[in-house]
C-alpha atoms as a PDB file:
ATOM      1  CA  MET A   1     -30.688  49.342 -25.804  1.00  0.00           C
ATOM      2  CA  GLU A   2     -32.491  46.282 -27.151  1.00  0.00           C
ATOM      3  CA  ARG A   3     -29.366  45.275 -29.092  1.00  0.00           C
ATOM      4  CA  SER A   4     -27.324  45.561 -25.903  1.00  0.00           C
ATOM      5  CA  ARG A   5     -29.759  43.329 -24.042  1.00  0.00           C
ATOM      6  CA  ARG A   6     -29.570  40.720 -26.815  1.00  0.00           C
ATOM      7  CA  ASN A   7     -25.794  40.768 -26.624  1.00  0.00           C
ATOM      8  CA  CYS A   8     -25.911  40.323 -22.845  1.00  0.00           C
ATOM      9  CA  THR A   9     -28.409  37.474 -23.182  1.00  0.00           C
ATOM     10  CA  THR A  10     -26.277  35.789 -25.818  1.00  0.00           C
ATOM     11  CA  THR A  11     -23.165  36.152 -23.658  1.00  0.00           C
ATOM     12  CA  ALA A  12     -24.925  34.762 -20.588  1.00  0.00           C
ATOM     13  CA  PHE A  13     -26.298  31.824 -22.570  1.00  0.00           C
ATOM     14  CA  SER A  14     -22.839  31.063 -23.941  1.00  0.00           C
ATOM     15  CA  PHE A  15     -21.356  31.153 -20.457  1.00  0.00           C
ATOM     16  CA  ILE A  16     -24.017  28.786 -19.090  1.00  0.00           C
ATOM     17  CA  LEU A  17     -23.473  26.452 -22.067  1.00  0.00           C
ATOM     18  CA  VAL A  18     -19.740  26.316 -21.323  1.00  0.00           C
ATOM     19  CA  LEU A  19     -20.443  25.431 -17.687  1.00  0.00           C
ATOM     20  CA  LEU A  20     -22.788  22.674 -18.764  1.00  0.00           C
ATOM     21  CA  LEU A  21     -20.262  21.289 -21.195  1.00  0.00           C
ATOM     22  CA  LEU A  22     -17.387  21.121 -18.684  1.00  0.00           C
ATOM     23  CA  PRO A  23     -18.595  17.900 -16.998  1.00  0.00           C
ATOM     24  CA  LEU A  24     -19.136  16.378 -20.457  1.00  0.00           C
ATOM     25  CA  GLN A  25     -15.572  17.315 -21.419  1.00  0.00           C
ATOM     26  CA  ALA A  26     -14.280  15.750 -18.219  1.00  0.00           C
ATOM     27  CA  ILE A  27     -16.182  12.564 -19.001  1.00  0.00           C
ATOM     28  CA  HIS A  28     -14.871  12.643 -22.554  1.00  0.00           C
ATOM     29  CA  ALA A  29     -11.301  12.987 -21.212  1.00  0.00           C
ATOM     30  CA  GLN A  30     -11.795   9.752 -19.287  1.00  0.00           C
ATOM     31  CA  LYS A  31     -12.770   7.895 -22.449  1.00  0.00           C
ATOM     32  CA  GLY A  32     -10.095   5.536 -23.574  1.00  0.00           C
ATOM     33  CA  ARG A  33      -8.987   4.918 -20.013  1.00  0.00           C
ATOM     34  CA  ASN A  34      -9.488   1.483 -18.536  1.00  0.00           C
ATOM     35  CA  ALA A  35     -12.002   1.591 -15.656  1.00  0.00           C
ATOM     36  CA  ASN A  36     -10.157  -1.241 -13.893  1.00  0.00           C
ATOM     37  CA  TYR A  37      -6.921   0.756 -14.103  1.00  0.00           C
ATOM     38  CA  LEU A  38      -8.604   3.837 -12.637  1.00  0.00           C
ATOM     39  CA  ALA A  39     -10.045   1.799  -9.759  1.00  0.00           C
ATOM     40  CA  TYR A  40      -6.662   0.192  -9.070  1.00  0.00           C
ATOM     41  CA  ILE A  41      -4.931   3.579  -8.977  1.00  0.00           C
ATOM     42  CA  ASP A  42      -7.564   4.913  -6.608  1.00  0.00           C
ATOM     43  CA  ASN A  43      -7.110   1.917  -4.298  1.00  0.00           C
ATOM     44  CA  TYR A  44      -3.310   1.798  -4.219  1.00  0.00           C
ATOM     45  CA  CYS A  45      -1.974   5.302  -4.939  1.00  0.00           C
ATOM     46  CA  ASP A  46      -1.597   6.133  -1.225  1.00  0.00           C
ATOM     47  CA  MET A  47       0.240   2.859  -0.646  1.00  0.00           C
ATOM     48  CA  ALA A  48       2.608   3.625  -3.531  1.00  0.00           C
ATOM     49  CA  VAL A  49       3.308   7.127  -2.189  1.00  0.00           C
ATOM     50  CA  ASP A  50       4.016   5.729   1.287  1.00  0.00           C
ATOM     51  CA  GLN A  51       6.517   3.285  -0.202  1.00  0.00           C
ATOM     52  CA  MET A  52       8.142   6.097  -2.177  1.00  0.00           C
ATOM     53  CA  LYS A  53       8.644   8.205   0.931  1.00  0.00           C
ATOM     54  CA  LYS A  54      10.132   5.246   2.766  1.00  0.00           C
ATOM     55  CA  TYR A  55      12.328   3.687   0.066  1.00  0.00           C
ATOM     56  CA  LYS A  56      12.565   6.334  -2.699  1.00  0.00           C
ATOM     57  CA  VAL A  57      11.092   4.151  -5.415  1.00  0.00           C
ATOM     58  CA  PRO A  58       8.942   6.478  -7.604  1.00  0.00           C
ATOM     59  CA  ALA A  59       5.239   6.001  -6.898  1.00  0.00           C
ATOM     60  CA  SER A  60       4.538   6.187 -10.633  1.00  0.00           C
ATOM     61  CA  ILE A  61       6.827   3.222 -11.261  1.00  0.00           C
ATOM     62  CA  THR A  62       5.331   1.191  -8.417  1.00  0.00           C
ATOM     63  CA  LEU A  63       1.781   1.839  -9.628  1.00  0.00           C
ATOM     64  CA  ALA A  64       2.614   1.185 -13.289  1.00  0.00           C
ATOM     65  CA  GLN A  65       4.364  -2.083 -12.422  1.00  0.00           C
ATOM     66  CA  GLY A  66       1.480  -3.096 -10.192  1.00  0.00           C
ATOM     67  CA  LEU A  67      -1.007  -2.376 -12.969  1.00  0.00           C
ATOM     68  CA  LEU A  68       1.010  -4.206 -15.579  1.00  0.00           C
ATOM     69  CA  GLU A  69       2.143  -7.210 -13.541  1.00  0.00           C
ATOM     70  CA  SER A  70      -1.210  -7.838 -11.852  1.00  0.00           C
ATOM     71  CA  GLY A  71      -3.556  -6.881 -14.667  1.00  0.00           C
ATOM     72  CA  ALA A  72      -4.899  -4.074 -12.463  1.00  0.00           C
ATOM     73  CA  GLY A  73      -5.260  -6.492  -9.562  1.00  0.00           C
ATOM     74  CA  ARG A  74      -7.326  -8.993 -11.541  1.00  0.00           C
ATOM     75  CA  SER A  75      -4.678 -11.653 -12.228  1.00  0.00           C
ATOM     76  CA  GLU A  76      -4.915 -14.972 -10.424  1.00  0.00           C
ATOM     77  CA  LEU A  77      -1.585 -14.313  -8.709  1.00  0.00           C
ATOM     78  CA  ALA A  78      -2.859 -10.981  -7.353  1.00  0.00           C
ATOM     79  CA  ARG A  79      -6.341 -12.205  -6.377  1.00  0.00           C
ATOM     80  CA  LYS A  80      -5.333 -15.469  -4.696  1.00  0.00           C
ATOM     81  CA  SER A  81      -1.796 -14.721  -3.483  1.00  0.00           C
ATOM     82  CA  ASN A  82      -1.797 -10.905  -3.142  1.00  0.00           C
ATOM     83  CA  ASN A  83       1.317 -10.846  -5.348  1.00  0.00           C
ATOM     84  CA  HIS A  84       0.965  -7.643  -7.389  1.00  0.00           C
ATOM     85  CA  PHE A  85       4.470  -7.521  -8.874  1.00  0.00           C
ATOM     86  CA  GLY A  86       5.128 -11.054 -10.083  1.00  0.00           C
ATOM     87  CA  ILE A  87       8.014 -11.515  -7.657  1.00  0.00           C
ATOM     88  CA  LYS A  88       9.306 -15.087  -7.709  1.00  0.00           C
ATOM     89  CA  CYS A  89      10.452 -17.037  -4.668  1.00  0.00           C
ATOM     90  CA  GLY A  90      14.234 -16.682  -5.013  1.00  0.00           C
ATOM     91  CA  ASN A  91      16.803 -18.127  -2.625  1.00  0.00           C
ATOM     92  CA  SER A  92      16.021 -15.811   0.292  1.00  0.00           C
ATOM     93  CA  TRP A  93      12.213 -16.227   0.488  1.00  0.00           C
ATOM     94  CA  ARG A  94      10.989 -18.149   3.557  1.00  0.00           C
ATOM     95  CA  GLY A  95       7.268 -17.386   3.337  1.00  0.00           C
ATOM     96  CA  LYS A  96       4.403 -19.206   1.628  1.00  0.00           C
ATOM     97  CA  THR A  97       4.671 -19.999  -2.067  1.00  0.00           C
ATOM     98  CA  VAL A  98       2.471 -20.865  -5.014  1.00  0.00           C
ATOM     99  CA  ARG A  99       3.178 -22.471  -8.376  1.00  0.00           C
ATOM    100  CA  HIS A 100       2.266 -20.546 -11.512  1.00  0.00           C
ATOM    101  CA  ASP A 101       3.178 -20.648 -15.213  1.00  0.00           C
ATOM    102  CA  ASP A 102       5.265 -17.672 -16.368  1.00  0.00           C
ATOM    103  CA  ASP A 103       8.501 -17.701 -18.404  1.00  0.00           C
ATOM    104  CA  ALA A 104       8.529 -21.428 -17.683  1.00  0.00           C
ATOM    105  CA  ARG A 105       5.892 -23.859 -16.440  1.00  0.00           C
ATOM    106  CA  ASN A 106       5.142 -24.286 -12.739  1.00  0.00           C
ATOM    107  CA  GLU A 107       7.432 -21.517 -11.445  1.00  0.00           C
ATOM    108  CA  CYS A 108       7.565 -20.571  -7.762  1.00  0.00           C
ATOM    109  CA  PHE A 109       6.032 -17.241  -6.673  1.00  0.00           C
ATOM    110  CA  ARG A 110       5.746 -15.508  -3.304  1.00  0.00           C
ATOM    111  CA  VAL A 111       2.436 -15.418  -1.406  1.00  0.00           C
ATOM    112  CA  TYR A 112       1.426 -12.476   0.822  1.00  0.00           C
ATOM    113  CA  LYS A 113      -1.310 -12.054   3.428  1.00  0.00           C
ATOM    114  CA  HIS A 114      -2.215  -8.569   2.169  1.00  0.00           C
ATOM    115  CA  PRO A 115      -1.413  -6.409  -0.893  1.00  0.00           C
ATOM    116  CA  LYS A 116       0.453  -4.037   1.439  1.00  0.00           C
ATOM    117  CA  GLU A 117       2.995  -6.807   2.094  1.00  0.00           C
ATOM    118  CA  SER A 118       3.442  -7.175  -1.660  1.00  0.00           C
ATOM    119  CA  TYR A 119       4.085  -3.434  -2.032  1.00  0.00           C
ATOM    120  CA  GLU A 120       6.584  -3.482   0.832  1.00  0.00           C
ATOM    121  CA  ASP A 121       8.381  -6.527  -0.569  1.00  0.00           C
ATOM    122  CA  HIS A 122       8.535  -4.907  -4.003  1.00  0.00           C
ATOM    123  CA  SER A 123      10.352  -1.902  -2.501  1.00  0.00           C
ATOM    124  CA  MET A 124      12.710  -4.150  -0.534  1.00  0.00           C
ATOM    125  CA  PHE A 125      13.317  -6.288  -3.626  1.00  0.00           C
ATOM    126  CA  LEU A 126      14.550  -3.216  -5.512  1.00  0.00           C
ATOM    127  CA  THR A 127      16.543  -1.613  -2.698  1.00  0.00           C
ATOM    128  CA  ARG A 128      18.318  -4.844  -1.747  1.00  0.00           C
ATOM    129  CA  GLY A 129      18.961  -6.018  -5.298  1.00  0.00           C
ATOM    130  CA  ALA A 130      22.486  -5.045  -6.319  1.00  0.00           C
ATOM    131  CA  ARG A 131      21.525  -4.976  -9.990  1.00  0.00           C
ATOM    132  CA  TYR A 132      19.037  -2.141  -9.319  1.00  0.00           C
ATOM    133  CA  ALA A 133      21.442   0.028  -7.295  1.00  0.00           C
ATOM    134  CA  PHE A 134      22.169   2.421 -10.163  1.00  0.00           C
ATOM    135  CA  LEU A 135      18.476   3.373 -10.332  1.00  0.00           C
ATOM    136  CA  PHE A 136      18.638   5.110  -6.971  1.00  0.00           C
ATOM    137  CA  LYS A 137      21.078   7.645  -8.410  1.00  0.00           C
ATOM    138  CA  LEU A 138      18.289   8.907 -10.672  1.00  0.00           C
ATOM    139  CA  SER A 139      15.875  11.661  -9.739  1.00  0.00           C
ATOM    140  CA  ILE A 140      12.724  10.379  -8.108  1.00  0.00           C
ATOM    141  CA  THR A 141      10.751  12.164 -10.843  1.00  0.00           C
ATOM    142  CA  ASP A 142      12.713  10.516 -13.684  1.00  0.00           C
ATOM    143  CA  TYR A 143      10.145   7.803 -14.387  1.00  0.00           C
ATOM    144  CA  LYS A 144      11.494   7.234 -17.910  1.00  0.00           C
ATOM    145  CA  GLY A 145      14.987   6.557 -16.573  1.00  0.00           C
ATOM    146  CA  TRP A 146      13.581   4.176 -13.974  1.00  0.00           C
ATOM    147  CA  ALA A 147      11.431   2.320 -16.521  1.00  0.00           C
ATOM    148  CA  ARG A 148      14.337   1.852 -18.922  1.00  0.00           C
ATOM    149  CA  GLY A 149      16.680   0.949 -16.080  1.00  0.00           C
ATOM    150  CA  LEU A 150      14.368  -1.784 -14.803  1.00  0.00           C
ATOM    151  CA  ARG A 151      14.337  -3.322 -18.268  1.00  0.00           C
ATOM    152  CA  LYS A 152      18.123  -3.099 -18.577  1.00  0.00           C
ATOM    153  CA  ALA A 153      18.588  -4.663 -15.150  1.00  0.00           C
ATOM    154  CA  GLY A 154      16.444  -7.616 -16.186  1.00  0.00           C
ATOM    155  CA  TYR A 155      13.289  -7.088 -14.114  1.00  0.00           C
ATOM    156  CA  ALA A 156      11.288  -8.406 -17.077  1.00  0.00           C
ATOM    157  CA  THR A 157      12.172 -10.276 -20.249  1.00  0.00           C
ATOM    158  CA  ASP A 158       9.709  -8.359 -22.442  1.00  0.00           C
ATOM    159  CA  PRO A 159      11.801  -6.036 -24.690  1.00  0.00           C
ATOM    160  CA  SER A 160       8.937  -3.493 -24.698  1.00  0.00           C
ATOM    161  CA  TYR A 161       8.609  -3.508 -20.889  1.00  0.00           C
ATOM    162  CA  ALA A 162      10.029   0.012 -20.419  1.00  0.00           C
ATOM    163  CA  ASN A 163       7.809   1.530 -23.100  1.00  0.00           C
ATOM    164  CA  ARG A 164       4.744  -0.157 -21.635  1.00  0.00           C
ATOM    165  CA  LEU A 165       5.464   1.311 -18.203  1.00  0.00           C
ATOM    166  CA  ILE A 166       6.062   4.780 -19.644  1.00  0.00           C
ATOM    167  CA  THR A 167       2.815   4.619 -21.637  1.00  0.00           C
ATOM    168  CA  ILE A 168       0.800   3.676 -18.545  1.00  0.00           C
ATOM    169  CA  ILE A 169       2.419   6.431 -16.480  1.00  0.00           C
ATOM    170  CA  GLU A 170       1.694   9.081 -19.103  1.00  0.00           C
ATOM    171  CA  ASP A 171      -1.799   7.896 -20.076  1.00  0.00           C
ATOM    172  CA  TYR A 172      -2.923   7.885 -16.439  1.00  0.00           C
ATOM    173  CA  GLU A 173      -0.751  10.823 -15.290  1.00  0.00           C
ATOM    174  CA  LEU A 174       0.891   8.731 -12.578  1.00  0.00           C
ATOM    175  CA  TYR A 175       3.903  11.074 -12.588  1.00  0.00           C
ATOM    176  CA  LYS A 176       1.920  13.510 -10.454  1.00  0.00           C
ATOM    177  CA  TYR A 177       2.332  11.173  -7.461  1.00  0.00           C
ATOM    178  CA  ASP A 178       6.138  11.384  -7.718  1.00  0.00           C
ATOM    179  CA  ARG A 179       6.079  15.067  -6.740  1.00  0.00           C
ATOM    180  CA  LYS A 180       4.945  14.071  -3.261  1.00  0.00           C
ATOM    181  CA  GLY A 181       8.261  12.319  -2.648  1.00  0.00           C
ATOM    182  CA  SER A 182      10.740  14.573  -4.472  1.00  0.00           C
ATOM    183  CA  LYS A 183      12.375  15.477  -1.147  1.00  0.00           C
ATOM    184  CA  ALA A 184      12.203  11.985   0.332  1.00  0.00           C
ATOM    185  CA  PRO A 185      15.417  10.747   2.011  1.00  0.00           C
ATOM    186  CA  SER A 186      17.281   8.064   0.097  1.00  0.00           C
ATOM    187  CA  ILE A 187      17.810   4.572   1.470  1.00  0.00           C
ATOM    188  CA  ALA A 188      20.984   3.098   0.041  1.00  0.00           C
ATOM    189  CA  PRO A 189      20.597  -0.429  -1.347  1.00  0.00           C
ATOM    190  CA  ILE A 190      22.345  -3.182   0.599  1.00  0.00           C
ATOM    191  CA  MET A 191      25.167  -4.506  -1.586  1.00  0.00           C
ATOM    192  CA  GLN A 192      28.818  -5.424  -1.611  1.00  0.00           C
ATOM    193  CA  HIS A 193      29.607  -5.041  -5.303  1.00  0.00           C
ATOM    194  CA  GLN A 194      29.367  -1.901  -7.393  1.00  0.00           C
ATOM    195  CA  VAL A 195      26.806  -2.249 -10.192  1.00  0.00           C
ATOM    196  CA  TYR A 196      27.865  -0.931 -13.589  1.00  0.00           C
ATOM    197  CA  LEU A 197      25.894  -0.304 -16.751  1.00  0.00           C
ATOM    198  CA  SER A 198      27.414  -1.049 -20.168  1.00  0.00           C
ATOM    199  CA  ASN A 199      25.955  -2.120 -23.497  1.00  0.00           C
ATOM    200  CA  ASP A 200      22.577  -1.316 -21.902  1.00  0.00           C
ATOM    201  CA  LEU A 201      23.188  -4.167 -19.438  1.00  0.00           C
ATOM    202  CA  ALA A 202      23.754  -4.180 -15.685  1.00  0.00           C
ATOM    203  CA  TYR A 203      26.809  -6.099 -14.460  1.00  0.00           C
ATOM    204  CA  ILE A 204      29.192  -6.489 -11.535  1.00  0.00           C
ATOM    205  CA  VAL A 205      32.873  -7.435 -11.409  1.00  0.00           C
ATOM    206  CA  ALA A 206      33.710 -10.602  -9.478  1.00  0.00           C
ATOM    207  CA  ARG A 207      36.307 -10.635  -6.702  1.00  0.00           C
ATOM    208  CA  ASN A 208      38.483 -13.390  -5.319  1.00  0.00           C
ATOM    209  CA  GLY A 209      36.365 -15.707  -3.186  1.00  0.00           C
ATOM    210  CA  ASP A 210      33.101 -14.984  -4.988  1.00  0.00           C
ATOM    211  CA  THR A 211      30.924 -17.922  -5.975  1.00  0.00           C
ATOM    212  CA  PHE A 212      27.748 -18.072  -7.984  1.00  0.00           C
ATOM    213  CA  LYS A 213      25.839 -18.897  -4.821  1.00  0.00           C
ATOM    214  CA  SER A 214      27.292 -15.945  -2.861  1.00  0.00           C
ATOM    215  CA  LEU A 215      26.461 -13.603  -5.731  1.00  0.00           C
ATOM    216  CA  ALA A 216      22.986 -15.115  -5.983  1.00  0.00           C
ATOM    217  CA  LYS A 217      22.390 -14.366  -2.313  1.00  0.00           C
ATOM    218  CA  GLU A 218      23.586 -10.784  -2.723  1.00  0.00           C
ATOM    219  CA  THR A 219      21.766  -9.981  -5.963  1.00  0.00           C
ATOM    220  CA  GLY A 220      18.604 -12.009  -5.450  1.00  0.00           C
ATOM    221  CA  ILE A 221      19.161 -13.751  -8.803  1.00  0.00           C
ATOM    222  CA  GLY A 222      19.303 -17.554  -8.841  1.00  0.00           C
ATOM    223  CA  TRP A 223      22.832 -18.923  -9.237  1.00  0.00           C
ATOM    224  CA  ARG A 224      21.762 -21.071 -12.168  1.00  0.00           C
ATOM    225  CA  LYS A 225      20.419 -17.969 -13.921  1.00  0.00           C
ATOM    226  CA  LEU A 226      23.686 -16.120 -13.302  1.00  0.00           C
ATOM    227  CA  MET A 227      25.568 -18.962 -14.958  1.00  0.00           C
ATOM    228  CA  LYS A 228      23.151 -19.016 -17.876  1.00  0.00           C
ATOM    229  CA  TYR A 229      23.240 -15.238 -18.345  1.00  0.00           C
ATOM    230  CA  ASN A 230      27.045 -15.398 -18.538  1.00  0.00           C
ATOM    231  CA  ASP A 231      27.402 -18.570 -20.651  1.00  0.00           C
ATOM    232  CA  LEU A 232      29.246 -20.405 -17.864  1.00  0.00           C
ATOM    233  CA  HIS A 233      28.918 -23.886 -16.339  1.00  0.00           C
ATOM    234  CA  LYS A 234      28.618 -24.970 -12.719  1.00  0.00           C
ATOM    235  CA  GLU A 235      32.199 -26.256 -12.583  1.00  0.00           C
ATOM    236  CA  TYR A 236      33.560 -22.812 -13.444  1.00  0.00           C
ATOM    237  CA  THR A 237      35.383 -21.005 -10.618  1.00  0.00           C
ATOM    238  CA  LEU A 238      34.955 -17.253 -10.596  1.00  0.00           C
ATOM    239  CA  VAL A 239      38.169 -15.245 -10.600  1.00  0.00           C
ATOM    240  CA  ASP A 240      38.950 -11.646  -9.757  1.00  0.00           C
ATOM    241  CA  GLY A 241      37.888  -9.369 -12.610  1.00  0.00           C
ATOM    242  CA  ASP A 242      35.257 -11.611 -14.213  1.00  0.00           C
ATOM    243  CA  ILE A 243      32.377  -9.636 -15.704  1.00  0.00           C
ATOM    244  CA  ILE A 244      29.102 -11.049 -14.401  1.00  0.00           C
ATOM    245  CA  TYR A 245      25.947  -9.815 -16.100  1.00  0.00           C
ATOM    246  CA  LEU A 246      22.834  -9.585 -13.959  1.00  0.00           C
ATOM    247  CA  CYS A 247      20.432 -10.096 -16.838  1.00  0.00           C
ATOM    248  CA  ARG A 248      20.363 -11.853 -20.189  1.00  0.00           C
ATOM    249  CA  LYS A 249      22.893 -10.554 -22.707  1.00  0.00           C
ATOM    250  CA  ASN A 250      21.944  -9.099 -26.086  1.00  0.00           C
ATOM    251  CA  LYS A 251      21.901 -10.886 -29.425  1.00  0.00           C
ATOM    252  CA  LYS A 252      24.320  -8.332 -30.855  1.00  0.00           C
ATOM    253  CA  ALA A 253      26.492  -5.424 -29.717  1.00  0.00           C
ATOM    254  CA  THR A 254      25.295  -1.838 -29.504  1.00  0.00           C
ATOM    255  CA  LYS A 255      25.528   0.223 -32.694  1.00  0.00           C
ATOM    256  CA  ILE A 256      28.895   1.793 -31.884  1.00  0.00           C
ATOM    257  CA  TYR A 257      30.569  -1.641 -31.970  1.00  0.00           C
ATOM    258  CA  THR A 258      30.504  -3.454 -35.301  1.00  0.00           C
ATOM    259  CA  VAL A 259      33.779  -5.399 -35.510  1.00  0.00           C
ATOM    260  CA  HIS A 260      36.327  -6.799 -33.048  1.00  0.00           C
ATOM    261  CA  ILE A 261      39.921  -7.511 -34.091  1.00  0.00           C
ATOM    262  CA  ILE A 262      41.178 -10.486 -32.110  1.00  0.00           C
ATOM    263  CA  LYS A 263      44.058  -9.812 -29.758  1.00  0.00           C
ATOM    264  CA  ASP A 264      46.361 -12.096 -27.789  1.00  0.00           C
ATOM    265  CA  GLY A 265      44.440 -13.790 -24.970  1.00  0.00           C
ATOM    266  CA  ASP A 266      40.994 -13.266 -26.509  1.00  0.00           C
ATOM    267  CA  SER A 267      38.483 -16.103 -26.499  1.00  0.00           C
ATOM    268  CA  MET A 268      34.990 -16.241 -27.905  1.00  0.00           C
ATOM    269  CA  HIS A 269      33.661 -16.147 -24.361  1.00  0.00           C
ATOM    270  CA  SER A 270      35.758 -13.152 -23.277  1.00  0.00           C
ATOM    271  CA  ILE A 271      34.658 -11.280 -26.412  1.00  0.00           C
ATOM    272  CA  SER A 272      31.018 -12.117 -25.741  1.00  0.00           C
ATOM    273  CA  GLN A 273      31.401 -10.747 -22.207  1.00  0.00           C
ATOM    274  CA  MET A 274      33.248  -7.649 -23.383  1.00  0.00           C
ATOM    275  CA  TYR A 275      30.374  -6.586 -25.634  1.00  0.00           C
ATOM    276  CA  GLY A 276      27.450  -8.182 -23.808  1.00  0.00           C
ATOM    277  CA  ILE A 277      26.604 -10.612 -26.618  1.00  0.00           C
ATOM    278  CA  ARG A 278      25.195 -14.091 -26.063  1.00  0.00           C
ATOM    279  CA  LEU A 279      27.899 -16.581 -26.927  1.00  0.00           C
ATOM    280  CA  LYS A 280      25.756 -18.652 -29.287  1.00  0.00           C
ATOM    281  CA  ASN A 281      24.834 -15.523 -31.236  1.00  0.00           C
ATOM    282  CA  LEU A 282      28.484 -14.490 -31.557  1.00  0.00           C
ATOM    283  CA  TYR A 283      29.276 -17.896 -33.081  1.00  0.00           C
ATOM    284  CA  LYS A 284      26.214 -17.765 -35.333  1.00  0.00           C
ATOM    285  CA  MET A 285      26.745 -14.287 -36.807  1.00  0.00           C
ATOM    286  CA  ASN A 286      30.351 -15.214 -37.610  1.00  0.00           C
ATOM    287  CA  ARG A 287      29.448 -18.671 -38.964  1.00  0.00           C
ATOM    288  CA  LYS A 288      31.799 -20.398 -36.547  1.00  0.00           C
ATOM    289  CA  ASP A 289      31.484 -23.783 -34.877  1.00  0.00           C
ATOM    290  CA  PRO A 290      31.691 -24.125 -31.068  1.00  0.00           C
ATOM    291  CA  ASP A 291      35.183 -25.640 -31.425  1.00  0.00           C
ATOM    292  CA  TYR A 292      36.501 -22.542 -33.233  1.00  0.00           C
ATOM    293  CA  ILE A 293      39.647 -20.986 -31.682  1.00  0.00           C
ATOM    294  CA  PRO A 294      40.162 -17.258 -32.434  1.00  0.00           C
ATOM    295  CA  GLU A 295      43.415 -16.271 -34.154  1.00  0.00           C
ATOM    296  CA  ILE A 296      45.200 -12.966 -33.570  1.00  0.00           C
ATOM    297  CA  GLY A 297      44.350 -10.392 -36.222  1.00  0.00           C
ATOM    298  CA  GLN A 298      41.110 -12.003 -37.364  1.00  0.00           C
ATOM    299  CA  ARG A 299      37.974  -9.873 -37.470  1.00  0.00           C
ATOM    300  CA  LEU A 300      34.740 -10.882 -35.801  1.00  0.00           C
ATOM    301  CA  ARG A 301      31.368  -9.348 -36.502  1.00  0.00           C
ATOM    302  CA  LEU A 302      29.562  -7.958 -33.480  1.00  0.00           C
ATOM    303  CA  ARG A 303      26.309  -7.015 -35.228  1.00  0.00           C
END
């Protein structure tokens, strides 16, 4: 009988000890997490979910971008201008602006009265941008596809941008917010051109009558950037069938393409567009001068 009592006492003590340790385990689980990130998520998770239900942009992506772009709301752009997503002025912006150093010095950024306006504009920026149209074909819970797609479409120049978003989403379990909008109705992006994805790059195909300025208005990308992305000059007239990349091309082709055999009608520029390679890099890897004219049958390296 005494042995039975001791066993019961030991069992009860063990049970109480487990209960006492649970809060400590919960605290331990929070270790390694940034307190500023946790506070930001608590403040803006409802706003991100509301935007997801309205525009079908995953809440996890919105929160992760907000955290990353604004430094958890502590960046100067977020604190003074309520701009949580680093959205630049662009051709269509008619609101207040502020100058801030980013990819270049003294760049123009949008100013909002309230963070909610920034969240709304972020959703509109994605739904109206033709280069992001393919993202809305993904499942709302496919945060990895969205993160990689944003990078491919040129939202950010950082090559590790997608991985950084995915890490934040998984470390802070932001994917759980996406489940609240899995049945949300889709809002189709406003666009005139179909957006394609090739060589891990988003692009459209020009039509007769298109100009860099008309495409800039449609895509939300500055016309000078479109020219630069596609190695073209301002005197160039777009023609039907031209491939127009919506983000910066790669330094080399994807792994499946190693060599191109020159055919009749090929030019260094057309080859660079075909494989999504920056023109200067195509010349460099083949040790060719800018005045080089391709000859039929010659082989060009693509990697």
